[in-house]
Each structure stands twice: as C-alpha cells, then as structure tokens.
Amino acid sequence: AEQQSLRQTHRKAIPLYEAAIESARKSGFIHEQGLACEKAAFYFMRVKNKEKALEYFQQARECYFHWGSFVKVDFIQKELDGLNLNS
C-alpha cells in the first residue's frame, strides 16, 4: 500500500490499505491493525480526503487504546484535533 501510495497509483493503494487492516484484524494483531489504519489515515490526508482520514485516525486511536498504547492514542488524538480545527 505504501509503495503504491508513493507511486501515486491510488486505485491500487486504497484496496491494499484496506486489505492490510482486515488481515491484521482477522489475525488478532490489534497493534498492526492500528498501524495500518494510521498509515491509511496519513495517505488520505496526502490526497486531501479529510473524511476518510478522520475515519481511519479514529479506527487507529481505538486499536491503540485497546492495545494499551496510550502514547499512540495521544498522538492520534492530536492529529484528529488538528484535522477538526482545519474544518
């Protein structure tokens, strides 16, 4: 997904982000699911899709919370706050 994002092949990147998120979820790797959601959120920020970025940041925050990584929760919350301020 990240390679496709850097190559700006958006039609390929989006399903790969979604596949990474789903694979991590099915495997029970909540920290990997959080990371995949976070990467997807930053991707959507780069392509100026604020709604999708918010959606994926919220999912990442939830994953990191359940994993117990409160430093990452705080980091993601700051990203969300920044997106909400730029409305």
PDB file of N, CA and C in Angstrom:
ATOM      1  N   ALA A   1       0.831  -1.191   0.000  1.00  0.00           N
ATOM      2  CA  ALA A   1       0.000   0.000   0.000  1.00  0.00           C
ATOM      3  C   ALA A   1       0.873   1.251   0.000  1.00  0.00           C
ATOM      4  N   GLU A   2       1.889   1.249   0.843  1.00  0.00           N
ATOM      5  CA  GLU A   2       2.758   2.428   0.916  1.00  0.00           C
ATOM      6  C   GLU A   2       3.517   2.642  -0.399  1.00  0.00           C
ATOM      7  N   GLN A   3       3.955   1.560  -1.010  1.00  0.00           N
ATOM      8  CA  GLN A   3       4.654   1.692  -2.300  1.00  0.00           C
ATOM      9  C   GLN A   3       3.732   2.267  -3.356  1.00  0.00           C
ATOM     10  N   GLN A   4       2.499   1.784  -3.405  1.00  0.00           N
ATOM     11  CA  GLN A   4       1.543   2.297  -4.380  1.00  0.00           C
ATOM     12  C   GLN A   4       1.211   3.762  -4.092  1.00  0.00           C
ATOM     13  N   SER A   5       1.146   4.110  -2.826  1.00  0.00           N
ATOM     14  CA  SER A   5       0.893   5.498  -2.446  1.00  0.00           C
ATOM     15  C   SER A   5       2.016   6.402  -2.944  1.00  0.00           C
ATOM     16  N   LEU A   6       3.245   5.959  -2.739  1.00  0.00           N
ATOM     17  CA  LEU A   6       4.389   6.765  -3.185  1.00  0.00           C
ATOM     18  C   LEU A   6       4.450   6.874  -4.705  1.00  0.00           C
ATOM     19  N   ARG A   7       3.988   5.844  -5.376  1.00  0.00           N
ATOM     20  CA  ARG A   7       3.939   5.862  -6.845  1.00  0.00           C
ATOM     21  C   ARG A   7       2.711   6.615  -7.364  1.00  0.00           C
ATOM     22  N   GLN A   8       1.857   7.012  -6.438  1.00  0.00           N
ATOM     23  CA  GLN A   8       0.615   7.720  -6.746  1.00  0.00           C
ATOM     24  C   GLN A   8      -0.328   6.893  -7.626  1.00  0.00           C
ATOM     25  N   THR A   9      -0.335   5.606  -7.404  1.00  0.00           N
ATOM     26  CA  THR A   9      -1.288   4.722  -8.063  1.00  0.00           C
ATOM     27  C   THR A   9      -2.417   4.459  -7.065  1.00  0.00           C
ATOM     28  N   HIS A  10      -3.288   5.458  -6.958  1.00  0.00           N
ATOM     29  CA  HIS A  10      -4.297   5.486  -5.911  1.00  0.00           C
ATOM     30  C   HIS A  10      -5.297   4.337  -6.001  1.00  0.00           C
ATOM     31  N   ARG A  11      -5.649   3.929  -7.197  1.00  0.00           N
ATOM     32  CA  ARG A  11      -6.609   2.828  -7.319  1.00  0.00           C
ATOM     33  C   ARG A  11      -6.047   1.529  -6.763  1.00  0.00           C
ATOM     34  N   LYS A  12      -4.727   1.411  -6.739  1.00  0.00           N
ATOM     35  CA  LYS A  12      -4.106   0.215  -6.167  1.00  0.00           C
ATOM     36  C   LYS A  12      -3.845   0.365  -4.678  1.00  0.00           C
ATOM     37  N   ALA A  13      -3.540   1.574  -4.246  1.00  0.00           N
ATOM     38  CA  ALA A  13      -3.162   1.804  -2.846  1.00  0.00           C
ATOM     39  C   ALA A  13      -4.328   1.563  -1.893  1.00  0.00           C
ATOM     40  N   ILE A  14      -5.484   2.090  -2.214  1.00  0.00           N
ATOM     41  CA  ILE A  14      -6.618   2.038  -1.287  1.00  0.00           C
ATOM     42  C   ILE A  14      -7.008   0.604  -0.932  1.00  0.00           C
ATOM     43  N   PRO A  15      -7.203  -0.286  -1.916  1.00  0.00           N
ATOM     44  CA  PRO A  15      -7.559  -1.663  -1.520  1.00  0.00           C
ATOM     45  C   PRO A  15      -6.450  -2.372  -0.749  1.00  0.00           C
ATOM     46  N   LEU A  16      -5.205  -1.983  -0.977  1.00  0.00           N
ATOM     47  CA  LEU A  16      -4.106  -2.601  -0.229  1.00  0.00           C
ATOM     48  C   LEU A  16      -4.104  -2.148   1.227  1.00  0.00           C
ATOM     49  N   TYR A  17      -4.399  -0.877   1.470  1.00  0.00           N
ATOM     50  CA  TYR A  17      -4.545  -0.419   2.859  1.00  0.00           C
ATOM     51  C   TYR A  17      -5.674  -1.195   3.534  1.00  0.00           C
ATOM     52  N   GLU A  18      -6.809  -1.289   2.840  1.00  0.00           N
ATOM     53  CA  GLU A  18      -7.957  -1.991   3.412  1.00  0.00           C
ATOM     54  C   GLU A  18      -7.638  -3.462   3.673  1.00  0.00           C
ATOM     55  N   ALA A  19      -6.903  -4.088   2.771  1.00  0.00           N
ATOM     56  CA  ALA A  19      -6.532  -5.492   2.950  1.00  0.00           C
ATOM     57  C   ALA A  19      -5.594  -5.663   4.150  1.00  0.00           C
ATOM     58  N   ALA A  20      -4.671  -4.740   4.321  1.00  0.00           N
ATOM     59  CA  ALA A  20      -3.746  -4.806   5.459  1.00  0.00           C
ATOM     60  C   ALA A  20      -4.503  -4.678   6.777  1.00  0.00           C
ATOM     61  N   ILE A  21      -5.451  -3.757   6.812  1.00  0.00           N
ATOM     62  CA  ILE A  21      -6.255  -3.552   8.016  1.00  0.00           C
ATOM     63  C   ILE A  21      -7.060  -4.811   8.328  1.00  0.00           C
ATOM     64  N   GLU A  22      -7.703  -5.350   7.318  1.00  0.00           N
ATOM     65  CA  GLU A  22      -8.540  -6.535   7.517  1.00  0.00           C
ATOM     66  C   GLU A  22      -7.708  -7.757   7.905  1.00  0.00           C
ATOM     67  N   SER A  23      -6.563  -7.927   7.300  1.00  0.00           N
ATOM     68  CA  SER A  23      -5.686  -9.050   7.628  1.00  0.00           C
ATOM     69  C   SER A  23      -5.232  -8.978   9.085  1.00  0.00           C
ATOM     70  N   ALA A  24      -4.830  -7.793   9.518  1.00  0.00           N
ATOM     71  CA  ALA A  24      -4.401  -7.624  10.905  1.00  0.00           C
ATOM     72  C   ALA A  24      -5.561  -7.881  11.864  1.00  0.00           C
ATOM     73  N   ARG A  25      -6.756  -7.406  11.496  1.00  0.00           N
ATOM     74  CA  ARG A  25      -7.934  -7.613  12.343  1.00  0.00           C
ATOM     75  C   ARG A  25      -8.243  -9.099  12.482  1.00  0.00           C
ATOM     76  N   LYS A  26      -8.275  -9.802  11.352  1.00  0.00           N
ATOM     77  CA  LYS A  26      -8.592 -11.230  11.374  1.00  0.00           C
ATOM     78  C   LYS A  26      -7.554 -12.037  12.149  1.00  0.00           C
ATOM     79  N   SER A  27      -6.313 -11.585  12.119  1.00  0.00           N
ATOM     80  CA  SER A  27      -5.235 -12.293  12.807  1.00  0.00           C
ATOM     81  C   SER A  27      -5.152 -11.937  14.287  1.00  0.00           C
ATOM     82  N   GLY A  28      -5.902 -10.932  14.696  1.00  0.00           N
ATOM     83  CA  GLY A  28      -5.886 -10.521  16.090  1.00  0.00           C
ATOM     84  C   GLY A  28      -4.697  -9.659  16.465  1.00  0.00           C
ATOM     85  N   PHE A  29      -4.049  -9.087  15.471  1.00  0.00           N
ATOM     86  CA  PHE A  29      -2.887  -8.212  15.718  1.00  0.00           C
ATOM     87  C   PHE A  29      -3.365  -6.772  15.787  1.00  0.00           C
ATOM     88  N   ILE A  30      -3.917  -6.395  16.933  1.00  0.00           N
ATOM     89  CA  ILE A  30      -4.553  -5.081  17.047  1.00  0.00           C
ATOM     90  C   ILE A  30      -3.560  -3.933  16.865  1.00  0.00           C
ATOM     91  N   HIS A  31      -2.315  -4.150  17.278  1.00  0.00           N
ATOM     92  CA  HIS A  31      -1.316  -3.096  17.083  1.00  0.00           C
ATOM     93  C   HIS A  31      -1.005  -2.909  15.602  1.00  0.00           C
ATOM     94  N   GLU A  32      -0.978  -4.001  14.848  1.00  0.00           N
ATOM     95  CA  GLU A  32      -0.747  -3.906  13.400  1.00  0.00           C
ATOM     96  C   GLU A  32      -1.962  -3.296  12.702  1.00  0.00           C
ATOM     97  N   GLN A  33      -3.137  -3.609  13.204  1.00  0.00           N
ATOM     98  CA  GLN A  33      -4.348  -3.005  12.658  1.00  0.00           C
ATOM     99  C   GLN A  33      -4.316  -1.489  12.894  1.00  0.00           C
ATOM    100  N   GLY A  34      -3.912  -1.090  14.081  1.00  0.00           N
ATOM    101  CA  GLY A  34      -3.793   0.336  14.385  1.00  0.00           C
ATOM    102  C   GLY A  34      -2.796   1.022  13.476  1.00  0.00           C
ATOM    103  N   LEU A  35      -1.663   0.381  13.259  1.00  0.00           N
ATOM    104  CA  LEU A  35      -0.641   0.955  12.389  1.00  0.00           C
ATOM    105  C   LEU A  35      -1.148   1.077  10.950  1.00  0.00           C
ATOM    106  N   ALA A  36      -1.831   0.039  10.473  1.00  0.00           N
ATOM    107  CA  ALA A  36      -2.365   0.079   9.107  1.00  0.00           C
ATOM    108  C   ALA A  36      -3.419   1.183   8.974  1.00  0.00           C
ATOM    109  N   CYS A  37      -4.257   1.346   9.975  1.00  0.00           N
ATOM    110  CA  CYS A  37      -5.247   2.430   9.957  1.00  0.00           C
ATOM    111  C   CYS A  37      -4.568   3.801   9.973  1.00  0.00           C
ATOM    112  N   GLU A  38      -3.531   3.911  10.791  1.00  0.00           N
ATOM    113  CA  GLU A  38      -2.785   5.176  10.867  1.00  0.00           C
ATOM    114  C   GLU A  38      -2.145   5.508   9.520  1.00  0.00           C
ATOM    115  N   LYS A  39      -1.521   4.514   8.894  1.00  0.00           N
ATOM    116  CA  LYS A  39      -0.901   4.737   7.580  1.00  0.00           C
ATOM    117  C   LYS A  39      -1.957   5.134   6.547  1.00  0.00           C
ATOM    118  N   ALA A  40      -3.111   4.475   6.592  1.00  0.00           N
ATOM    119  CA  ALA A  40      -4.195   4.820   5.668  1.00  0.00           C
ATOM    120  C   ALA A  40      -4.677   6.249   5.918  1.00  0.00           C
ATOM    121  N   ALA A  41      -4.767   6.634   7.178  1.00  0.00           N
ATOM    122  CA  ALA A  41      -5.206   7.995   7.506  1.00  0.00           C
ATOM    123  C   ALA A  41      -4.241   9.031   6.942  1.00  0.00           C
ATOM    124  N   PHE A  42      -2.948   8.799   7.121  1.00  0.00           N
ATOM    125  CA  PHE A  42      -1.975   9.748   6.572  1.00  0.00           C
ATOM    126  C   PHE A  42      -2.025   9.770   5.043  1.00  0.00           C
ATOM    127  N   TYR A  43      -2.281   8.619   4.433  1.00  0.00           N
ATOM    128  CA  TYR A  43      -2.447   8.573   2.983  1.00  0.00           C
ATOM    129  C   TYR A  43      -3.613   9.475   2.565  1.00  0.00           C
ATOM    130  N   PHE A  44      -4.749   9.325   3.244  1.00  0.00           N
ATOM    131  CA  PHE A  44      -5.908  10.124   2.872  1.00  0.00           C
ATOM    132  C   PHE A  44      -5.691  11.610   3.156  1.00  0.00           C
ATOM    133  N   MET A  45      -4.874  11.935   4.138  1.00  0.00           N
ATOM    134  CA  MET A  45      -4.518  13.345   4.337  1.00  0.00           C
ATOM    135  C   MET A  45      -3.734  13.864   3.132  1.00  0.00           C
ATOM    136  N   ARG A  46      -2.796  13.039   2.642  1.00  0.00           N
ATOM    137  CA  ARG A  46      -1.976  13.460   1.493  1.00  0.00           C
ATOM    138  C   ARG A  46      -2.808  13.693   0.239  1.00  0.00           C
ATOM    139  N   VAL A  47      -3.871  12.917   0.078  1.00  0.00           N
ATOM    140  CA  VAL A  47      -4.697  13.074  -1.121  1.00  0.00           C
ATOM    141  C   VAL A  47      -5.900  13.986  -0.856  1.00  0.00           C
ATOM    142  N   LYS A  48      -5.869  14.670   0.277  1.00  0.00           N
ATOM    143  CA  LYS A  48      -6.869  15.686   0.622  1.00  0.00           C
ATOM    144  C   LYS A  48      -8.283  15.134   0.802  1.00  0.00           C
ATOM    145  N   ASN A  49      -8.383  13.928   1.355  1.00  0.00           N
ATOM    146  CA  ASN A  49      -9.688  13.346   1.670  1.00  0.00           C
ATOM    147  C   ASN A  49      -9.819  13.322   3.196  1.00  0.00           C
ATOM    148  N   LYS A  50     -10.261  14.449   3.730  1.00  0.00           N
ATOM    149  CA  LYS A  50     -10.314  14.634   5.173  1.00  0.00           C
ATOM    150  C   LYS A  50     -11.276  13.659   5.850  1.00  0.00           C
ATOM    151  N   GLU A  51     -12.424  13.391   5.220  1.00  0.00           N
ATOM    152  CA  GLU A  51     -13.406  12.495   5.831  1.00  0.00           C
ATOM    153  C   GLU A  51     -12.834  11.097   6.038  1.00  0.00           C
ATOM    154  N   LYS A  52     -12.164  10.564   5.023  1.00  0.00           N
ATOM    155  CA  LYS A  52     -11.567   9.231   5.155  1.00  0.00           C
ATOM    156  C   LYS A  52     -10.407   9.267   6.144  1.00  0.00           C
ATOM    157  N   ALA A  53      -9.623  10.342   6.146  1.00  0.00           N
ATOM    158  CA  ALA A  53      -8.529  10.457   7.113  1.00  0.00           C
ATOM    159  C   ALA A  53      -9.073  10.416   8.535  1.00  0.00           C
ATOM    160  N   LEU A  54     -10.138  11.157   8.785  1.00  0.00           N
ATOM    161  CA  LEU A  54     -10.756  11.146  10.115  1.00  0.00           C
ATOM    162  C   LEU A  54     -11.228   9.748  10.491  1.00  0.00           C
ATOM    163  N   GLU A  55     -11.859   9.081   9.541  1.00  0.00           N
ATOM    164  CA  GLU A  55     -12.365   7.724   9.789  1.00  0.00           C
ATOM    165  C   GLU A  55     -11.239   6.773  10.191  1.00  0.00           C
ATOM    166  N   TYR A  56     -10.147   6.801   9.443  1.00  0.00           N
ATOM    167  CA  TYR A  56      -9.044   5.884   9.733  1.00  0.00           C
ATOM    168  C   TYR A  56      -8.272   6.290  10.980  1.00  0.00           C
ATOM    169  N   PHE A  57      -8.134   7.587  11.258  1.00  0.00           N
ATOM    170  CA  PHE A  57      -7.493   8.003  12.510  1.00  0.00           C
ATOM    171  C   PHE A  57      -8.324   7.538  13.710  1.00  0.00           C
ATOM    172  N   GLN A  58      -9.648   7.622  13.601  1.00  0.00           N
ATOM    173  CA  GLN A  58     -10.498   7.169  14.698  1.00  0.00           C
ATOM    174  C   GLN A  58     -10.339   5.667  14.923  1.00  0.00           C
ATOM    175  N   GLN A  59     -10.260   4.918  13.834  1.00  0.00           N
ATOM    176  CA  GLN A  59     -10.043   3.473  13.969  1.00  0.00           C
ATOM    177  C   GLN A  59      -8.677   3.186  14.593  1.00  0.00           C
ATOM    178  N   ALA A  60      -7.666   3.920  14.169  1.00  0.00           N
ATOM    179  CA  ALA A  60      -6.319   3.727  14.723  1.00  0.00           C
ATOM    180  C   ALA A  60      -6.310   4.026  16.216  1.00  0.00           C
ATOM    181  N   ARG A  61      -6.950   5.129  16.590  1.00  0.00           N
ATOM    182  CA  ARG A  61      -7.000   5.501  18.008  1.00  0.00           C
ATOM    183  C   ARG A  61      -7.653   4.392  18.825  1.00  0.00           C
ATOM    184  N   GLU A  62      -8.745   3.835  18.317  1.00  0.00           N
ATOM    185  CA  GLU A  62      -9.441   2.756  19.028  1.00  0.00           C
ATOM    186  C   GLU A  62      -8.549   1.520  19.172  1.00  0.00           C
ATOM    187  N   CYS A  63      -7.854   1.164  18.104  1.00  0.00           N
ATOM    188  CA  CYS A  63      -6.954  -0.002  18.160  1.00  0.00           C
ATOM    189  C   CYS A  63      -5.845   0.227  19.185  1.00  0.00           C
ATOM    190  N   TYR A  64      -5.215   1.385  19.129  1.00  0.00           N
ATOM    191  CA  TYR A  64      -4.123   1.673  20.061  1.00  0.00           C
ATOM    192  C   TYR A  64      -4.625   1.707  21.506  1.00  0.00           C
ATOM    193  N   PHE A  65      -5.851   2.211  21.703  1.00  0.00           N
ATOM    194  CA  PHE A  65      -6.427   2.226  23.051  1.00  0.00           C
ATOM    195  C   PHE A  65      -6.586   0.801  23.580  1.00  0.00           C
ATOM    196  N   HIS A  66      -7.166  -0.071  22.757  1.00  0.00           N
ATOM    197  CA  HIS A  66      -7.378  -1.456  23.190  1.00  0.00           C
ATOM    198  C   HIS A  66      -6.059  -2.203  23.375  1.00  0.00           C
ATOM    199  N   TRP A  67      -5.050  -1.805  22.645  1.00  0.00           N
ATOM    200  CA  TRP A  67      -3.735  -2.421  22.776  1.00  0.00           C
ATOM    201  C   TRP A  67      -3.028  -1.912  24.034  1.00  0.00           C
ATOM    202  N   GLY A  68      -3.451  -0.738  24.512  1.00  0.00           N
ATOM    203  CA  GLY A  68      -2.848  -0.157  25.712  1.00  0.00           C
ATOM    204  C   GLY A  68      -1.723   0.812  25.434  1.00  0.00           C
ATOM    205  N   SER A  69      -1.613   1.265  24.200  1.00  0.00           N
ATOM    206  CA  SER A  69      -0.559   2.211  23.842  1.00  0.00           C
ATOM    207  C   SER A  69      -1.115   3.639  23.906  1.00  0.00           C
ATOM    208  N   PHE A  70      -1.119   4.175  25.115  1.00  0.00           N
ATOM    209  CA  PHE A  70      -1.751   5.472  25.332  1.00  0.00           C
ATOM    210  C   PHE A  70      -0.930   6.627  24.763  1.00  0.00           C
ATOM    211  N   VAL A  71       0.353   6.419  24.572  1.00  0.00           N
ATOM    212  CA  VAL A  71       1.170   7.431  23.889  1.00  0.00           C
ATOM    213  C   VAL A  71       0.697   7.569  22.443  1.00  0.00           C
ATOM    214  N   LYS A  72       0.428   6.431  21.794  1.00  0.00           N
ATOM    215  CA  LYS A  72      -0.084   6.474  20.417  1.00  0.00           C
ATOM    216  C   LYS A  72      -1.506   7.047  20.388  1.00  0.00           C
ATOM    217  N   VAL A  73      -2.312   6.736  21.393  1.00  0.00           N
ATOM    218  CA  VAL A  73      -3.660   7.310  21.470  1.00  0.00           C
ATOM    219  C   VAL A  73      -3.563   8.828  21.504  1.00  0.00           C
ATOM    220  N   ASP A  74      -2.668   9.358  22.338  1.00  0.00           N
ATOM    221  CA  ASP A  74      -2.482  10.808  22.435  1.00  0.00           C
ATOM    222  C   ASP A  74      -1.989  11.397  21.117  1.00  0.00           C
ATOM    223  N   PHE A  75      -1.057  10.705  20.467  1.00  0.00           N
ATOM    224  CA  PHE A  75      -0.537  11.169  19.180  1.00  0.00           C
ATOM    225  C   PHE A  75      -1.659  11.255  18.142  1.00  0.00           C
ATOM    226  N   ILE A  76      -2.450  10.199  18.057  1.00  0.00           N
ATOM    227  CA  ILE A  76      -3.556  10.161  17.095  1.00  0.00           C
ATOM    228  C   ILE A  76      -4.598  11.223  17.441  1.00  0.00           C
ATOM    229  N   GLN A  77      -4.848  11.421  18.718  1.00  0.00           N
ATOM    230  CA  GLN A  77      -5.822  12.435  19.122  1.00  0.00           C
ATOM    231  C   GLN A  77      -5.374  13.822  18.672  1.00  0.00           C
ATOM    232  N   LYS A  78      -4.085  14.091  18.756  1.00  0.00           N
ATOM    233  CA  LYS A  78      -3.565  15.392  18.288  1.00  0.00           C
ATOM    234  C   LYS A  78      -3.771  15.547  16.790  1.00  0.00           C
ATOM    235  N   GLU A  79      -3.595  14.464  16.031  1.00  0.00           N
ATOM    236  CA  GLU A  79      -3.853  14.514  14.591  1.00  0.00           C
ATOM    237  C   GLU A  79      -5.333  14.796  14.337  1.00  0.00           C
ATOM    238  N   LEU A  80      -6.202  14.123  15.093  1.00  0.00           N
ATOM    239  CA  LEU A  80      -7.643  14.344  14.940  1.00  0.00           C
ATOM    240  C   LEU A  80      -8.015  15.782  15.298  1.00  0.00           C
ATOM    241  N   ASP A  81      -7.455  16.284  16.380  1.00  0.00           N
ATOM    242  CA  ASP A  81      -7.738  17.651  16.792  1.00  0.00           C
ATOM    243  C   ASP A  81      -7.305  18.648  15.709  1.00  0.00           C
ATOM    244  N   GLY A  82      -6.137  18.374  15.099  1.00  0.00           N
ATOM    245  CA  GLY A  82      -5.660  19.233  14.028  1.00  0.00           C
ATOM    246  C   GLY A  82      -6.567  19.207  12.815  1.00  0.00           C
ATOM    247  N   LEU A  83      -7.058  18.040  12.470  1.00  0.00           N
ATOM    248  CA  LEU A  83      -7.980  17.936  11.334  1.00  0.00           C
ATOM    249  C   LEU A  83      -9.296  18.659  11.644  1.00  0.00           C
ATOM    250  N   ASN A  84      -9.773  18.522  12.855  1.00  0.00           N
ATOM    251  CA  ASN A  84     -11.033  19.173  13.219  1.00  0.00           C
ATOM    252  C   ASN A  84     -10.895  20.696  13.262  1.00  0.00           C
ATOM    253  N   LEU A  85      -9.732  21.195  13.657  1.00  0.00           N
ATOM    254  CA  LEU A  85      -9.503  22.634  13.688  1.00  0.00           C
ATOM    255  C   LEU A  85      -9.434  23.226  12.282  1.00  0.00           C
ATOM    256  N   ASN A  86      -8.988  22.409  11.322  1.00  0.00           N
ATOM    257  CA  ASN A  86      -8.840  22.892   9.949  1.00  0.00           C
ATOM    258  C   ASN A  86     -10.114  22.718   9.134  1.00  0.00           C
ATOM    259  N   SER A  87     -11.242  22.527   9.790  1.00  0.00           N
ATOM    260  CA  SER A  87     -12.513  22.303   9.074  1.00  0.00           C
ATOM    261  C   SER A  87     -12.901  23.496   8.241  1.00  0.00           C
TER     262      SER A  87
END
